[in-house]
Amino acid sequence: IPNAFSPNGDALNNTFRIILNGATVDEFKIYNRWGELLFDDPLKAWDGTLDGKEQPAEIYLFKAIITMR
């Protein structure tokens, strides 16, 4: 699970997602520091936007539920 990403369009670390061998990500949510839900899709990667608007460089929290196979 990465601890940072840089959605700046350089094709390196532009999205944030959880990739694990031998496990399934059942829930993946990202929140800003005020508790606003920004992203909710365990099958996709977050690109650092909300409704198409780039979010500021900030501290974000994520919640993941992972099932080991």
PDB file of N, CA and C in Angstrom:
ATOM      1  N   ILE A   1       0.866  -1.171   0.000  1.00  0.00           N
ATOM      2  CA  ILE A   1       0.000   0.000   0.000  1.00  0.00           C
ATOM      3  C   ILE A   1       0.906   1.225   0.000  1.00  0.00           C
ATOM      4  N   PRO A   2       0.773   2.087  -0.982  1.00  0.00           N
ATOM      5  CA  PRO A   2       1.642   3.265  -1.043  1.00  0.00           C
ATOM      6  C   PRO A   2       1.326   4.259   0.074  1.00  0.00           C
ATOM      7  N   ASN A   3       2.308   5.074   0.423  1.00  0.00           N
ATOM      8  CA  ASN A   3       2.064   6.111   1.425  1.00  0.00           C
ATOM      9  C   ASN A   3       2.019   7.502   0.802  1.00  0.00           C
ATOM     10  N   ALA A   4       2.199   7.578  -0.510  1.00  0.00           N
ATOM     11  CA  ALA A   4       2.113   8.854  -1.217  1.00  0.00           C
ATOM     12  C   ALA A   4       1.932   8.590  -2.708  1.00  0.00           C
ATOM     13  N   PHE A   5       1.453   9.605  -3.415  1.00  0.00           N
ATOM     14  CA  PHE A   5       1.383   9.553  -4.873  1.00  0.00           C
ATOM     15  C   PHE A   5       1.438  10.975  -5.393  1.00  0.00           C
ATOM     16  N   SER A   6       1.710  11.122  -6.695  1.00  0.00           N
ATOM     17  CA  SER A   6       1.871  12.465  -7.263  1.00  0.00           C
ATOM     18  C   SER A   6       1.071  12.579  -8.555  1.00  0.00           C
ATOM     19  N   PRO A   7      -0.190  12.975  -8.460  1.00  0.00           N
ATOM     20  CA  PRO A   7      -1.034  13.080  -9.660  1.00  0.00           C
ATOM     21  C   PRO A   7      -0.719  14.331 -10.474  1.00  0.00           C
ATOM     22  N   ASN A   8       0.472  14.363 -11.040  1.00  0.00           N
ATOM     23  CA  ASN A   8       0.908  15.557 -11.785  1.00  0.00           C
ATOM     24  C   ASN A   8       1.010  15.330 -13.287  1.00  0.00           C
ATOM     25  N   GLY A   9       0.547  14.194 -13.775  1.00  0.00           N
ATOM     26  CA  GLY A   9       0.524  13.958 -15.215  1.00  0.00           C
ATOM     27  C   GLY A   9       1.820  13.469 -15.817  1.00  0.00           C
ATOM     28  N   ASP A  10       2.823  13.108 -15.008  1.00  0.00           N
ATOM     29  CA  ASP A  10       4.100  12.654 -15.561  1.00  0.00           C
ATOM     30  C   ASP A  10       4.154  11.141 -15.800  1.00  0.00           C
ATOM     31  N   ALA A  11       3.031  10.457 -15.604  1.00  0.00           N
ATOM     32  CA  ALA A  11       2.897   9.008 -15.807  1.00  0.00           C
ATOM     33  C   ALA A  11       3.644   8.180 -14.762  1.00  0.00           C
ATOM     34  N   LEU A  12       4.075   8.791 -13.672  1.00  0.00           N
ATOM     35  CA  LEU A  12       4.729   8.078 -12.575  1.00  0.00           C
ATOM     36  C   LEU A  12       3.940   8.332 -11.293  1.00  0.00           C
ATOM     37  N   ASN A  13       3.395   7.267 -10.703  1.00  0.00           N
ATOM     38  CA  ASN A  13       2.658   7.375  -9.438  1.00  0.00           C
ATOM     39  C   ASN A  13       1.519   8.389  -9.491  1.00  0.00           C
ATOM     40  N   ASN A  14       0.775   8.413 -10.580  1.00  0.00           N
ATOM     41  CA  ASN A  14      -0.303   9.393 -10.754  1.00  0.00           C
ATOM     42  C   ASN A  14      -1.607   9.007 -10.074  1.00  0.00           C
ATOM     43  N   THR A  15      -1.736   7.751  -9.639  1.00  0.00           N
ATOM     44  CA  THR A  15      -2.956   7.316  -8.972  1.00  0.00           C
ATOM     45  C   THR A  15      -2.607   6.588  -7.679  1.00  0.00           C
ATOM     46  N   PHE A  16      -3.596   6.514  -6.807  1.00  0.00           N
ATOM     47  CA  PHE A  16      -3.433   5.825  -5.522  1.00  0.00           C
ATOM     48  C   PHE A  16      -4.389   4.643  -5.494  1.00  0.00           C
ATOM     49  N   ARG A  17      -3.846   3.460  -5.322  1.00  0.00           N
ATOM     50  CA  ARG A  17      -4.673   2.262  -5.217  1.00  0.00           C
ATOM     51  C   ARG A  17      -3.930   1.208  -4.418  1.00  0.00           C
ATOM     52  N   ILE A  18      -4.696   0.227  -3.989  1.00  0.00           N
ATOM     53  CA  ILE A  18      -4.135  -0.870  -3.208  1.00  0.00           C
ATOM     54  C   ILE A  18      -4.060  -2.090  -4.113  1.00  0.00           C
ATOM     55  N   ILE A  19      -2.874  -2.643  -4.235  1.00  0.00           N
ATOM     56  CA  ILE A  19      -2.669  -3.865  -5.011  1.00  0.00           C
ATOM     57  C   ILE A  19      -1.976  -4.862  -4.091  1.00  0.00           C
ATOM     58  N   LEU A  20      -2.638  -5.986  -3.859  1.00  0.00           N
ATOM     59  CA  LEU A  20      -2.097  -7.012  -2.979  1.00  0.00           C
ATOM     60  C   LEU A  20      -2.217  -8.375  -3.645  1.00  0.00           C
ATOM     61  N   ASN A  21      -1.198  -9.185  -3.538  1.00  0.00           N
ATOM     62  CA  ASN A  21      -1.261 -10.559  -4.022  1.00  0.00           C
ATOM     63  C   ASN A  21      -1.903 -11.423  -2.945  1.00  0.00           C
ATOM     64  N   GLY A  22      -2.836 -12.265  -3.327  1.00  0.00           N
ATOM     65  CA  GLY A  22      -3.464 -13.165  -2.385  1.00  0.00           C
ATOM     66  C   GLY A  22      -4.511 -12.512  -1.508  1.00  0.00           C
ATOM     67  N   ALA A  23      -5.045 -11.367  -1.942  1.00  0.00           N
ATOM     68  CA  ALA A  23      -6.063 -10.664  -1.164  1.00  0.00           C
ATOM     69  C   ALA A  23      -7.009  -9.931  -2.097  1.00  0.00           C
ATOM     70  N   THR A  24      -8.185  -9.620  -1.570  1.00  0.00           N
ATOM     71  CA  THR A  24      -9.189  -8.860  -2.306  1.00  0.00           C
ATOM     72  C   THR A  24      -9.506  -7.593  -1.522  1.00  0.00           C
ATOM     73  N   VAL A  25      -9.525  -6.472  -2.209  1.00  0.00           N
ATOM     74  CA  VAL A  25      -9.909  -5.210  -1.579  1.00  0.00           C
ATOM     75  C   VAL A  25     -11.426  -5.098  -1.693  1.00  0.00           C
ATOM     76  N   ASP A  26     -12.119  -5.220  -0.563  1.00  0.00           N
ATOM     77  CA  ASP A  26     -13.575  -5.202  -0.545  1.00  0.00           C
ATOM     78  C   ASP A  26     -14.138  -3.790  -0.383  1.00  0.00           C
ATOM     79  N   GLU A  27     -13.390  -2.926   0.264  1.00  0.00           N
ATOM     80  CA  GLU A  27     -13.819  -1.538   0.457  1.00  0.00           C
ATOM     81  C   GLU A  27     -12.581  -0.659   0.406  1.00  0.00           C
ATOM     82  N   PHE A  28     -12.698   0.474  -0.283  1.00  0.00           N
ATOM     83  CA  PHE A  28     -11.580   1.413  -0.390  1.00  0.00           C
ATOM     84  C   PHE A  28     -12.169   2.813  -0.478  1.00  0.00           C
ATOM     85  N   LYS A  29     -12.023   3.570   0.587  1.00  0.00           N
ATOM     86  CA  LYS A  29     -12.575   4.920   0.661  1.00  0.00           C
ATOM     87  C   LYS A  29     -11.473   5.895   1.037  1.00  0.00           C
ATOM     88  N   ILE A  30     -11.524   7.085   0.460  1.00  0.00           N
ATOM     89  CA  ILE A  30     -10.552   8.130   0.769  1.00  0.00           C
ATOM     90  C   ILE A  30     -11.307   9.362   1.251  1.00  0.00           C
ATOM     91  N   TYR A  31     -10.799   9.939   2.353  1.00  0.00           N
ATOM     92  CA  TYR A  31     -11.416  11.106   2.985  1.00  0.00           C
ATOM     93  C   TYR A  31     -10.397  12.235   3.095  1.00  0.00           C
ATOM     94  N   ASN A  32     -10.887  13.482   3.082  1.00  0.00           N
ATOM     95  CA  ASN A  32      -9.996  14.592   3.384  1.00  0.00           C
ATOM     96  C   ASN A  32      -9.937  14.783   4.896  1.00  0.00           C
ATOM     97  N   ARG A  33      -9.178  15.741   5.370  1.00  0.00           N
ATOM     98  CA  ARG A  33      -8.981  15.904   6.816  1.00  0.00           C
ATOM     99  C   ARG A  33     -10.233  16.333   7.565  1.00  0.00           C
ATOM    100  N   TRP A  34     -11.258  16.786   6.844  1.00  0.00           N
ATOM    101  CA  TRP A  34     -12.521  17.182   7.460  1.00  0.00           C
ATOM    102  C   TRP A  34     -13.559  16.062   7.409  1.00  0.00           C
ATOM    103  N   GLY A  35     -13.156  14.891   6.941  1.00  0.00           N
ATOM    104  CA  GLY A  35     -14.046  13.739   6.906  1.00  0.00           C
ATOM    105  C   GLY A  35     -14.938  13.655   5.692  1.00  0.00           C
ATOM    106  N   GLU A  36     -14.710  14.510   4.699  1.00  0.00           N
ATOM    107  CA  GLU A  36     -15.502  14.467   3.470  1.00  0.00           C
ATOM    108  C   GLU A  36     -15.040  13.286   2.615  1.00  0.00           C
ATOM    109  N   LEU A  37     -15.992  12.459   2.206  1.00  0.00           N
ATOM    110  CA  LEU A  37     -15.678  11.316   1.356  1.00  0.00           C
ATOM    111  C   LEU A  37     -15.342  11.809  -0.052  1.00  0.00           C
ATOM    112  N   LEU A  38     -14.149  11.471  -0.527  1.00  0.00           N
ATOM    113  CA  LEU A  38     -13.698  11.906  -1.837  1.00  0.00           C
ATOM    114  C   LEU A  38     -13.730  10.800  -2.876  1.00  0.00           C
ATOM    115  N   PHE A  39     -13.610   9.559  -2.413  1.00  0.00           N
ATOM    116  CA  PHE A  39     -13.486   8.434  -3.345  1.00  0.00           C
ATOM    117  C   PHE A  39     -14.011   7.179  -2.673  1.00  0.00           C
ATOM    118  N   ASP A  40     -14.730   6.354  -3.437  1.00  0.00           N
ATOM    119  CA  ASP A  40     -15.306   5.128  -2.885  1.00  0.00           C
ATOM    120  C   ASP A  40     -15.473   4.096  -3.986  1.00  0.00           C
ATOM    121  N   ASP A  41     -14.390   3.369  -4.293  1.00  0.00           N
ATOM    122  CA  ASP A  41     -14.473   2.317  -5.309  1.00  0.00           C
ATOM    123  C   ASP A  41     -13.291   1.359  -5.140  1.00  0.00           C
ATOM    124  N   PRO A  42     -13.541   0.168  -4.614  1.00  0.00           N
ATOM    125  CA  PRO A  42     -12.435  -0.769  -4.388  1.00  0.00           C
ATOM    126  C   PRO A  42     -11.818  -1.334  -5.665  1.00  0.00           C
ATOM    127  N   LEU A  43     -12.448  -1.127  -6.798  1.00  0.00           N
ATOM    128  CA  LEU A  43     -11.937  -1.681  -8.055  1.00  0.00           C
ATOM    129  C   LEU A  43     -11.139  -0.685  -8.884  1.00  0.00           C
ATOM    130  N   LYS A  44     -11.109   0.563  -8.461  1.00  0.00           N
ATOM    131  CA  LYS A  44     -10.426   1.599  -9.237  1.00  0.00           C
ATOM    132  C   LYS A  44      -9.357   2.287  -8.405  1.00  0.00           C
ATOM    133  N   ALA A  45      -8.573   3.110  -9.076  1.00  0.00           N
ATOM    134  CA  ALA A  45      -7.545   3.919  -8.429  1.00  0.00           C
ATOM    135  C   ALA A  45      -8.023   5.368  -8.355  1.00  0.00           C
ATOM    136  N   TRP A  46      -7.644   6.067  -7.287  1.00  0.00           N
ATOM    137  CA  TRP A  46      -8.008   7.476  -7.144  1.00  0.00           C
ATOM    138  C   TRP A  46      -6.971   8.328  -7.858  1.00  0.00           C
ATOM    139  N   ASP A  47      -7.442   9.276  -8.660  1.00  0.00           N
ATOM    140  CA  ASP A  47      -6.540  10.139  -9.428  1.00  0.00           C
ATOM    141  C   ASP A  47      -6.315  11.499  -8.784  1.00  0.00           C
ATOM    142  N   GLY A  48      -6.756  11.677  -7.552  1.00  0.00           N
ATOM    143  CA  GLY A  48      -6.525  12.939  -6.850  1.00  0.00           C
ATOM    144  C   GLY A  48      -7.547  14.012  -7.149  1.00  0.00           C
ATOM    145  N   THR A  49      -8.691  13.622  -7.739  1.00  0.00           N
ATOM    146  CA  THR A  49      -9.721  14.601  -8.066  1.00  0.00           C
ATOM    147  C   THR A  49     -11.021  14.282  -7.338  1.00  0.00           C
ATOM    148  N   LEU A  50     -11.882  15.283  -7.266  1.00  0.00           N
ATOM    149  CA  LEU A  50     -13.235  15.131  -6.760  1.00  0.00           C
ATOM    150  C   LEU A  50     -14.138  15.862  -7.731  1.00  0.00           C
ATOM    151  N   ASP A  51     -15.058  15.153  -8.351  1.00  0.00           N
ATOM    152  CA  ASP A  51     -15.951  15.728  -9.367  1.00  0.00           C
ATOM    153  C   ASP A  51     -15.165  16.445 -10.461  1.00  0.00           C
ATOM    154  N   GLY A  52     -14.021  15.856 -10.846  1.00  0.00           N
ATOM    155  CA  GLY A  52     -13.202  16.413 -11.914  1.00  0.00           C
ATOM    156  C   GLY A  52     -12.296  17.560 -11.498  1.00  0.00           C
ATOM    157  N   LYS A  53     -12.331  17.945 -10.223  1.00  0.00           N
ATOM    158  CA  LYS A  53     -11.498  19.045  -9.733  1.00  0.00           C
ATOM    159  C   LYS A  53     -10.315  18.483  -8.957  1.00  0.00           C
ATOM    160  N   GLU A  54      -9.130  18.928  -9.334  1.00  0.00           N
ATOM    161  CA  GLU A  54      -7.918  18.500  -8.670  1.00  0.00           C
ATOM    162  C   GLU A  54      -7.942  18.920  -7.201  1.00  0.00           C
ATOM    163  N   GLN A  55      -7.616  17.994  -6.324  1.00  0.00           N
ATOM    164  CA  GLN A  55      -7.588  18.286  -4.895  1.00  0.00           C
ATOM    165  C   GLN A  55      -6.191  18.767  -4.494  1.00  0.00           C
ATOM    166  N   PRO A  56      -6.106  19.606  -3.463  1.00  0.00           N
ATOM    167  CA  PRO A  56      -4.809  20.166  -3.077  1.00  0.00           C
ATOM    168  C   PRO A  56      -3.872  19.122  -2.478  1.00  0.00           C
ATOM    169  N   ALA A  57      -2.575  19.432  -2.531  1.00  0.00           N
ATOM    170  CA  ALA A  57      -1.591  18.598  -1.839  1.00  0.00           C
ATOM    171  C   ALA A  57      -1.924  18.708  -0.361  1.00  0.00           C
ATOM    172  N   GLU A  58      -2.215  17.603   0.266  1.00  0.00           N
ATOM    173  CA  GLU A  58      -2.793  17.613   1.613  1.00  0.00           C
ATOM    174  C   GLU A  58      -2.581  16.253   2.241  1.00  0.00           C
ATOM    175  N   ILE A  59      -2.998  16.116   3.462  1.00  0.00           N
ATOM    176  CA  ILE A  59      -3.034  14.833   4.139  1.00  0.00           C
ATOM    177  C   ILE A  59      -4.429  14.247   3.946  1.00  0.00           C
ATOM    178  N   TYR A  60      -4.496  13.012   3.481  1.00  0.00           N
ATOM    179  CA  TYR A  60      -5.758  12.319   3.259  1.00  0.00           C
ATOM    180  C   TYR A  60      -5.749  11.024   4.038  1.00  0.00           C
ATOM    181  N   LEU A  61      -6.915  10.567   4.412  1.00  0.00           N
ATOM    182  CA  LEU A  61      -7.055   9.306   5.124  1.00  0.00           C
ATOM    183  C   LEU A  61      -7.748   8.298   4.222  1.00  0.00           C
ATOM    184  N   PHE A  62      -7.413   7.040   4.368  1.00  0.00           N
ATOM    185  CA  PHE A  62      -8.148   6.030   3.628  1.00  0.00           C
ATOM    186  C   PHE A  62      -8.565   4.913   4.556  1.00  0.00           C
ATOM    187  N   LYS A  63      -9.649   4.266   4.174  1.00  0.00           N
ATOM    188  CA  LYS A  63     -10.158   3.103   4.892  1.00  0.00           C
ATOM    189  C   LYS A  63     -10.252   1.977   3.876  1.00  0.00           C
ATOM    190  N   ALA A  64      -9.693   0.841   4.236  1.00  0.00           N
ATOM    191  CA  ALA A  64      -9.735  -0.311   3.347  1.00  0.00           C
ATOM    192  C   ALA A  64     -10.147  -1.545   4.140  1.00  0.00           C
ATOM    193  N   ILE A  65     -11.001  -2.340   3.546  1.00  0.00           N
ATOM    194  CA  ILE A  65     -11.330  -3.650   4.084  1.00  0.00           C
ATOM    195  C   ILE A  65     -10.777  -4.654   3.090  1.00  0.00           C
ATOM    196  N   ILE A  66      -9.899  -5.508   3.584  1.00  0.00           N
ATOM    197  CA  ILE A  66      -9.175  -6.444   2.729  1.00  0.00           C
ATOM    198  C   ILE A  66      -9.431  -7.858   3.224  1.00  0.00           C
ATOM    199  N   THR A  67      -9.740  -8.757   2.295  1.00  0.00           N
ATOM    200  CA  THR A  67      -9.966 -10.156   2.611  1.00  0.00           C
ATOM    201  C   THR A  67      -8.809 -10.980   2.065  1.00  0.00           C
ATOM    202  N   MET A  68      -8.177 -11.728   2.944  1.00  0.00           N
ATOM    203  CA  MET A  68      -7.093 -12.615   2.518  1.00  0.00           C
ATOM    204  C   MET A  68      -7.710 -13.885   1.945  1.00  0.00           C
ATOM    205  N   ARG A  69      -7.163 -14.368   0.851  1.00  0.00           N
ATOM    206  CA  ARG A  69      -7.667 -15.600   0.228  1.00  0.00           C
ATOM    207  C   ARG A  69      -7.036 -16.812   0.836  1.00  0.00           C
TER     208      ARG A  69
END
